[in-house]
Amino acid sequence: MTHQQKPIGSGFTPASTADEVLTGTELTGRNVVVTGGHAGIGREVTRALTARGASVTVGSRSPERAREAVAGIDGVQVGRLDLADPASVDAFADRWKASGRPLHILINCAAVAAPEKREVDARGYEVQFAVDHLGHFQLTRALLPALQAAHGARVVNVTSGAHRLSTIRWDDPHFDSGDYAPLLAYAQSKCANVLFAVELDRRWADAGIRGYAAHPGVVVGTALNAAAGADGLRAAGLVDADGRPIIDPVVGKKTVQQGAATIVFGAASPLLADIGGVYLKDSDVAPLDDEQQPVTSDNIPSDAASHSLDPDSAVRLWELSERLLDF
């Protein structure tokens, strides 16, 4: 497999923050869409990008709640976007295209917390795969004309080191067979985020559109990680006995500011000008490592796994996604 999946020596560290990564980067005149850009890591991404001059539109299922969350951040607009509802996705994209604005950066950040019991959307699709991957796939496809009009655009899919734990369940992506497990469904959706970035870059790089998958690290306090509950977070070594987050960026336990860093690195760093279709962590291109390692409180494996970069699987996922969305 030919790939660019190796560190480039960015000079940043696991402890680098979004502001540090964007130092010296001018984004005035750049239009950005951040799904879920009003909460957790997404809000920090929105704040950091607007601080460098970008105009950010946040896509949210609850525009009212999103407007309250981003109040006080200049340069932010909010649009209704329900990634589990194809009509809502199309309507968001149609409004953007009708505005005539090019789209320079699309950050597919929104995700749903892994439900303990299998949940499906109105189509019968497993909710994590439907929202985390298919909704973003549909949105990105629909916004292609605006991305092309930017004459140099980036798409960043926010993923996770959990991509290492599963490939795509080609014959049963929605767990119809009854063997649903929350972590397995989450891992599949995160693997899909990486494969989507790989194939997007292959298809669209010649048009000046590059794709990246970004692992922010484990950030306690976001809705996703809070779903584990206090006992689960303590057992995982993510909070102390008093419930305070344990920050150790070297092993992947990060603040919101540190977690946002790799995402904005993918979105705007000039160091990636000639690189695409890669998985990022710690504000650099991640190393490739297929060694099976246990997840412990002191070891959270998150390097790139080969199965998430496989070009044949990336094509296969793109085609499966088109079929599931009736493209």
Protein backbone atom coordinates (compact mmCIF):
# COMPACT_ATOMS: atom_id res chain seq x y z
CA MET A 1 0.00 0.00 0.00
CA THR A 2 1.42 3.35 -1.06
CA HIS A 3 0.55 6.12 1.36
CA GLN A 4 1.79 9.28 3.09
CA GLN A 5 0.95 7.99 6.55
CA LYS A 6 4.06 8.95 8.47
CA PRO A 7 4.91 11.90 10.73
CA ILE A 8 6.19 15.01 8.99
CA GLY A 9 7.87 16.60 12.02
CA SER A 10 5.35 19.39 12.46
CA GLY A 11 7.10 20.70 15.56
CA PHE A 12 3.94 20.47 17.64
CA THR A 13 3.44 18.16 20.61
CA PRO A 14 0.53 16.30 22.20
CA ALA A 15 0.16 19.29 24.54
CA SER A 16 -0.11 21.89 21.77
CA THR A 17 -3.33 23.90 21.73
CA ALA A 18 -5.46 25.06 18.83
CA ASP A 19 -4.25 28.63 19.26
CA GLU A 20 -0.63 27.48 19.17
CA VAL A 21 -1.19 25.46 16.02
CA LEU A 22 -2.83 28.45 14.31
CA THR A 23 -0.18 30.99 15.33
CA GLY A 24 0.72 33.05 12.28
CA THR A 25 -2.13 31.61 10.20
CA GLU A 26 -4.40 34.20 8.59
CA LEU A 27 -7.94 32.97 7.82
CA THR A 28 -9.69 36.23 6.99
CA GLY A 29 -11.99 35.66 4.05
CA ARG A 30 -12.15 31.90 4.63
CA ASN A 31 -15.57 30.32 4.98
CA VAL A 32 -15.86 27.33 7.29
CA VAL A 33 -18.62 24.89 8.23
CA VAL A 34 -18.27 23.01 11.52
CA THR A 35 -20.93 20.43 12.29
CA GLY A 36 -21.54 20.37 16.02
CA GLY A 37 -19.38 23.48 16.26
CA HIS A 38 -21.20 24.77 19.33
CA ALA A 39 -20.30 22.08 21.85
CA GLY A 40 -17.20 20.55 23.39
CA ILE A 41 -14.26 20.27 21.04
CA GLY A 42 -16.35 21.66 18.20
CA ARG A 43 -16.92 24.93 20.03
CA GLU A 44 -13.21 25.32 20.67
CA VAL A 45 -12.53 24.69 16.99
CA THR A 46 -15.07 27.37 16.10
CA ARG A 47 -13.54 29.85 18.56
CA ALA A 48 -9.97 29.21 17.42
CA LEU A 49 -10.78 29.57 13.72
CA THR A 50 -12.79 32.75 14.13
CA ALA A 51 -9.97 34.19 16.25
CA ARG A 52 -7.79 33.94 13.13
CA GLY A 53 -10.39 35.71 11.00
CA ALA A 54 -12.46 32.84 9.58
CA SER A 55 -16.21 33.07 9.10
CA VAL A 56 -17.71 29.95 10.67
CA THR A 57 -21.15 28.46 10.18
CA VAL A 58 -22.16 25.95 12.84
CA GLY A 59 -24.53 23.16 11.86
CA SER A 60 -26.74 21.99 14.72
CA ARG A 61 -29.94 20.04 15.33
CA SER A 62 -30.89 22.75 17.81
CA PRO A 63 -30.06 26.18 16.36
CA GLU A 64 -31.41 27.97 19.42
CA ARG A 65 -29.14 26.06 21.79
CA ALA A 66 -26.21 26.50 19.42
CA ARG A 67 -26.70 30.27 19.23
CA GLU A 68 -26.64 30.48 23.01
CA ALA A 69 -23.45 28.39 23.14
CA VAL A 70 -21.55 30.55 20.64
CA ALA A 71 -22.85 33.88 21.87
CA GLY A 72 -19.93 36.21 22.26
CA ILE A 73 -17.83 34.58 19.54
CA ASP A 74 -17.60 36.99 16.60
CA GLY A 75 -17.88 35.72 13.06
CA VAL A 76 -20.24 32.78 13.76
CA GLN A 77 -23.52 31.90 12.12
CA VAL A 78 -25.76 28.95 12.96
CA GLY A 79 -27.81 26.78 10.63
CA ARG A 80 -30.19 23.93 11.31
CA LEU A 81 -28.63 20.56 10.48
CA ASP A 82 -29.86 17.15 11.57
CA LEU A 83 -27.39 14.63 10.20
CA ALA A 84 -29.83 11.75 10.74
CA ASP A 85 -32.40 13.42 8.48
CA PRO A 86 -31.48 13.41 4.77
CA ALA A 87 -33.94 16.23 4.05
CA SER A 88 -32.30 18.42 6.70
CA VAL A 89 -28.85 17.70 5.29
CA ASP A 90 -29.94 18.64 1.78
CA ALA A 91 -31.69 21.78 3.03
CA PHE A 92 -28.54 22.94 4.84
CA ALA A 93 -26.42 22.37 1.75
CA ASP A 94 -28.97 24.05 -0.50
CA ARG A 95 -29.02 27.15 1.68
CA TRP A 96 -25.25 27.32 1.56
CA LYS A 97 -25.09 26.92 -2.21
CA ALA A 98 -27.84 29.49 -2.70
CA SER A 99 -25.71 32.01 -0.80
CA GLY A 100 -23.06 31.76 -3.51
CA ARG A 101 -20.25 31.49 -0.96
CA PRO A 102 -17.28 29.21 -1.61
CA LEU A 103 -16.52 26.75 1.18
CA HIS A 104 -12.86 26.64 2.11
CA ILE A 105 -13.02 24.31 5.10
CA LEU A 106 -15.60 21.68 6.08
CA ILE A 107 -15.12 20.09 9.50
CA ASN A 108 -17.30 17.05 10.07
CA CYS A 109 -17.18 17.13 13.85
CA ALA A 110 -20.63 16.20 15.15
CA ALA A 111 -21.22 12.75 16.60
CA VAL A 112 -23.70 10.93 18.79
CA ALA A 113 -22.82 9.26 22.09
CA ALA A 114 -22.82 5.48 21.84
CA PRO A 115 -26.18 4.25 23.15
CA GLU A 116 -26.12 1.19 25.39
CA LYS A 117 -28.87 -0.42 23.33
CA ARG A 118 -29.01 -0.34 19.55
CA GLU A 119 -30.81 2.69 18.18
CA VAL A 120 -31.77 3.29 14.57
CA ASP A 121 -32.90 6.30 12.58
CA ALA A 122 -36.08 6.55 10.51
CA ARG A 123 -34.45 4.46 7.76
CA GLY A 124 -33.52 1.65 10.14
CA TYR A 125 -29.83 2.61 10.05
CA GLU A 126 -27.72 2.21 13.21
CA VAL A 127 -27.56 5.71 14.64
CA GLN A 128 -23.78 6.09 15.03
CA PHE A 129 -23.05 4.95 11.49
CA ALA A 130 -25.96 7.08 10.24
CA VAL A 131 -24.88 10.31 11.92
CA ASP A 132 -21.12 10.04 12.30
CA HIS A 133 -20.53 8.75 8.76
CA LEU A 134 -23.53 8.73 6.42
CA GLY A 135 -24.84 12.17 7.39
CA HIS A 136 -21.41 13.68 6.88
CA PHE A 137 -20.92 11.77 3.64
CA GLN A 138 -24.19 13.16 2.31
CA LEU A 139 -23.38 16.68 3.47
CA THR A 140 -19.91 16.65 1.95
CA ARG A 141 -21.20 15.35 -1.37
CA ALA A 142 -23.94 18.00 -1.41
CA LEU A 143 -21.44 20.78 -0.69
CA LEU A 144 -19.04 19.71 -3.44
CA PRO A 145 -19.83 22.69 -5.73
CA ALA A 146 -19.04 25.12 -2.91
CA LEU A 147 -15.82 23.25 -2.09
CA GLN A 148 -14.80 23.38 -5.75
CA ALA A 149 -15.55 27.11 -5.87
CA ALA A 150 -12.98 27.70 -3.11
CA HIS A 151 -10.14 26.66 -5.48
CA GLY A 152 -8.38 25.00 -2.59
CA ALA A 153 -10.48 23.41 0.15
CA ARG A 154 -10.10 20.95 3.00
CA VAL A 155 -12.47 18.43 4.54
CA VAL A 156 -11.62 17.22 8.04
CA ASN A 157 -13.44 14.22 9.49
CA VAL A 158 -13.14 14.01 13.26
CA THR A 159 -12.40 10.40 14.14
CA SER A 160 -10.92 8.47 17.05
CA GLY A 161 -8.19 6.04 17.92
CA ALA A 162 -11.08 3.59 18.32
CA HIS A 163 -10.93 3.17 14.53
CA ARG A 164 -8.30 0.54 15.30
CA LEU A 165 -10.91 -1.75 16.88
CA SER A 166 -13.11 -2.47 13.88
CA THR A 167 -13.29 -2.60 10.13
CA ILE A 168 -16.58 -1.98 8.29
CA ARG A 169 -19.22 -4.65 8.80
CA TRP A 170 -19.86 -4.90 5.09
CA ASP A 171 -22.75 -7.35 5.32
CA ASP A 172 -24.34 -5.89 8.44
CA PRO A 173 -23.27 -2.29 9.14
CA HIS A 174 -26.47 -1.63 11.12
CA PHE A 175 -26.21 -4.63 13.46
CA ASP A 176 -29.46 -6.11 12.23
CA SER A 177 -28.18 -9.54 13.25
CA GLY A 178 -28.61 -8.62 16.91
CA ASP A 179 -24.98 -8.55 18.03
CA TYR A 180 -24.88 -4.82 18.75
CA ALA A 181 -22.14 -3.60 21.08
CA PRO A 182 -21.75 0.16 21.76
CA LEU A 183 -17.96 0.24 21.41
CA LEU A 184 -17.97 -1.88 18.26
CA ALA A 185 -20.54 0.37 16.60
CA TYR A 186 -18.53 3.42 17.62
CA ALA A 187 -15.32 1.90 16.29
CA GLN A 188 -16.97 1.09 12.96
CA SER A 189 -18.21 4.67 12.55
CA LYS A 190 -14.76 6.05 13.38
CA CYS A 191 -13.10 3.68 10.91
CA ALA A 192 -15.59 4.93 8.33
CA ASN A 193 -14.50 8.52 9.02
CA VAL A 194 -10.91 7.61 8.11
CA LEU A 195 -11.77 5.58 5.01
CA PHE A 196 -14.03 8.39 3.81
CA ALA A 197 -11.17 10.88 4.06
CA VAL A 198 -8.88 8.53 2.14
CA GLU A 199 -11.27 8.08 -0.78
CA LEU A 200 -12.37 11.73 -0.81
CA ASP A 201 -8.76 12.78 -1.21
CA ARG A 202 -8.19 10.28 -4.01
CA ARG A 203 -11.26 11.43 -5.92
CA TRP A 204 -11.11 15.17 -5.32
CA ALA A 205 -7.46 16.13 -4.82
CA ASP A 206 -7.10 17.05 -8.50
CA ALA A 207 -9.88 19.59 -7.94
CA GLY A 208 -7.93 21.10 -5.04
CA ILE A 209 -9.99 19.44 -2.29
CA ARG A 210 -7.98 17.51 0.29
CA GLY A 211 -9.30 15.11 2.91
CA TYR A 212 -8.08 14.37 6.45
CA ALA A 213 -9.19 12.36 9.44
CA ALA A 214 -8.26 13.88 12.80
CA HIS A 215 -8.08 12.17 16.19
CA PRO A 216 -8.42 14.80 18.93
CA GLY A 217 -7.47 12.53 21.82
CA VAL A 218 -9.67 11.68 24.79
CA VAL A 219 -11.25 14.84 26.16
CA VAL A 220 -13.19 14.46 29.39
CA GLY A 221 -16.15 16.80 29.63
CA THR A 222 -17.51 16.38 26.13
CA ALA A 223 -20.95 14.83 25.73
CA LEU A 224 -19.42 11.76 24.08
CA ASN A 225 -17.09 10.89 26.92
CA ALA A 226 -19.55 11.96 29.61
CA ALA A 227 -21.85 9.19 28.37
CA ALA A 228 -19.50 6.69 30.03
CA GLY A 229 -20.71 7.90 33.44
CA ALA A 230 -18.65 8.85 36.48
CA ASP A 231 -17.81 5.27 37.40
CA GLY A 232 -16.78 4.43 33.85
CA LEU A 233 -14.56 7.50 33.62
CA ARG A 234 -12.86 6.67 36.91
CA ALA A 235 -12.34 3.05 35.87
CA ALA A 236 -10.71 4.24 32.64
CA GLY A 237 -8.36 6.53 34.54
CA LEU A 238 -9.86 9.65 32.97
CA VAL A 239 -11.00 11.35 36.18
CA ASP A 240 -9.71 11.22 39.74
CA ALA A 241 -11.61 10.24 42.87
CA ASP A 242 -13.15 13.73 43.02
CA GLY A 243 -14.29 13.60 39.40
CA ARG A 244 -11.67 16.01 38.11
CA PRO A 245 -10.23 15.28 34.65
CA ILE A 246 -6.79 13.70 34.58
CA ILE A 247 -4.79 15.51 31.92
CA ASP A 248 -1.88 13.61 30.39
CA PRO A 249 -1.59 14.57 26.72
CA VAL A 250 1.33 12.20 26.07
CA VAL A 251 -1.00 9.22 26.54
CA GLY A 252 -3.90 11.01 24.86
CA LYS A 253 -5.81 12.54 27.79
CA LYS A 254 -6.30 16.13 26.73
CA THR A 255 -7.98 19.40 27.49
CA VAL A 256 -10.52 20.78 25.05
CA GLN A 257 -7.91 23.23 23.77
CA GLN A 258 -5.42 20.41 23.15
CA GLY A 259 -8.08 18.22 21.56
CA ALA A 260 -9.06 20.93 19.09
CA ALA A 261 -5.44 21.38 18.00
CA THR A 262 -5.23 18.41 15.65
CA ILE A 263 -8.54 19.34 14.03
CA VAL A 264 -7.45 22.88 13.19
CA PHE A 265 -4.07 21.50 12.12
CA GLY A 266 -5.90 19.50 9.47
CA ALA A 267 -8.11 22.42 8.59
CA ALA A 268 -5.50 25.11 8.13
CA SER A 269 -1.87 24.14 8.59
CA PRO A 270 0.33 25.01 5.59
CA LEU A 271 2.46 21.98 6.50
CA LEU A 272 -0.21 19.80 4.88
CA ALA A 273 -0.30 21.71 1.61
CA ASP A 274 0.91 18.73 -0.41
CA ILE A 275 -0.43 15.93 1.79
CA GLY A 276 -3.91 14.43 1.98
CA GLY A 277 -5.83 11.26 2.65
CA VAL A 278 -4.10 10.77 6.01
CA TYR A 279 -5.00 10.24 9.65
CA LEU A 280 -3.77 12.91 12.04
CA LYS A 281 -3.01 12.91 15.77
CA ASP A 282 -1.07 15.23 18.06
CA SER A 283 -1.04 17.92 15.35
CA ASP A 284 0.98 15.80 12.93
CA VAL A 285 0.47 12.91 10.57
CA ALA A 286 0.22 9.84 12.78
CA PRO A 287 2.57 6.89 12.49
CA LEU A 288 1.26 3.60 11.12
CA ASP A 289 1.11 0.88 13.76
CA ASP A 290 -0.82 -2.38 13.51
CA GLU A 291 0.47 -3.89 16.72
CA GLN A 292 -2.40 -5.11 18.89
CA GLN A 293 -2.16 -3.32 22.23
CA PRO A 294 -4.49 -3.41 25.23
CA VAL A 295 -6.24 -0.21 26.24
CA THR A 296 -5.32 0.72 29.80
CA SER A 297 -5.42 3.89 31.89
CA ASP A 298 -1.79 4.52 30.94
CA ASN A 299 -1.91 3.32 27.33
CA ILE A 300 -4.56 4.44 24.84
CA PRO A 301 -3.43 3.19 21.40
CA SER A 302 -4.37 5.69 18.71
CA ASP A 303 -1.87 5.44 15.85
CA ALA A 304 -3.15 4.73 12.36
CA ALA A 305 -4.26 1.20 11.54
CA SER A 306 -3.73 -0.14 8.01
CA HIS A 307 -7.30 -1.34 7.60
CA SER A 308 -8.54 2.25 7.92
CA LEU A 309 -6.26 3.42 5.11
CA ASP A 310 -6.81 0.53 2.70
CA PRO A 311 -7.69 2.05 -0.70
CA ASP A 312 -9.89 -0.86 -1.74
CA SER A 313 -11.90 -0.60 1.47
CA ALA A 314 -12.15 3.15 0.99
CA VAL A 315 -13.67 2.69 -2.48
CA ARG A 316 -15.97 -0.01 -1.17
CA LEU A 317 -17.23 2.22 1.65
CA TRP A 318 -17.86 5.10 -0.75
CA GLU A 319 -19.93 2.83 -2.96
CA LEU A 320 -21.80 1.33 0.00
CA SER A 321 -22.57 4.83 1.27
CA GLU A 322 -23.95 5.85 -2.10
CA ARG A 323 -26.23 2.82 -2.15
CA LEU A 324 -27.47 3.43 1.38
CA LEU A 325 -28.24 7.05 0.48
CA ASP A 326 -29.80 6.14 -2.89
CA PHE A 327 -27.29 8.22 -4.87
